[in-house]
Amino acid sequence: MDLLSVWAGLASGAAQLATAAEGEGAGLVINGFWIIVSAANFLFFLFILYRLALGPIGEMLRTRSERIEQGLKDAEQARRHREQAEADRASTLAEARREANDILARAQKVAQETRDADIAATREDLDRMRGRATSEIEAEKLRALADLRAEVADLALAAAGKVIGESMTDQRQRRLVDEFLRESAQPGSKG
């Protein structure tokens, strides 16, 4: 049996009932057959609407909801990763600052040690130069004193020779000069 023939039979039966009901002259008549047919049509229309429109729309809404939930989860994970990266960056920055301060302190210490070593070396050089200068001055002083004594001795001999009136021999002059120098070098001497 064909579905159309069933509907056609139902429709003709409904038409006969309608004409029979009109003939009775009754007012409002509720036809149960047409209510059932209308309800079946409505349910069939809902089924088709659900299959063609509401089903795909519901599936689309479900996938969109899942994508939104996944996006929220991904955003939360990205936020956690960003916070972790920020914490890592802060700790790395603090470590770099500490290392920079350590390097700076070591450099200042090395600079101070180098400066102190340079100052000590300069002082040693100055002390050595001062010692050498002092010894050179002392040697020059002794040499000047020796020259002065020799000259004083020569003058004294020349004066003595004129006073005595005789000429002295070299050996005798040297002996007298040595005695004079010995006497003048002694502390408490009168010359």
Foldseek 3Di string as FASTA:
>chain_A
DDPVVVVVVLVVVVVVVVVVVVVVVDDDDDDPSVVVVVVVVVVVVVVVCCVPPVVVVVVVVVVVVVVVVVVVVVVVVVVVVVVVVVVVVVVVVVVVVVVVVVVVVVVVVVVVVVVVVVVVVVVVVVVVVVVVVVVVVVVVVVVVVVVVLVVVLVVVQVVVCVVVVHHDDPVVSVVVSVVVVVQVVDPPRDD
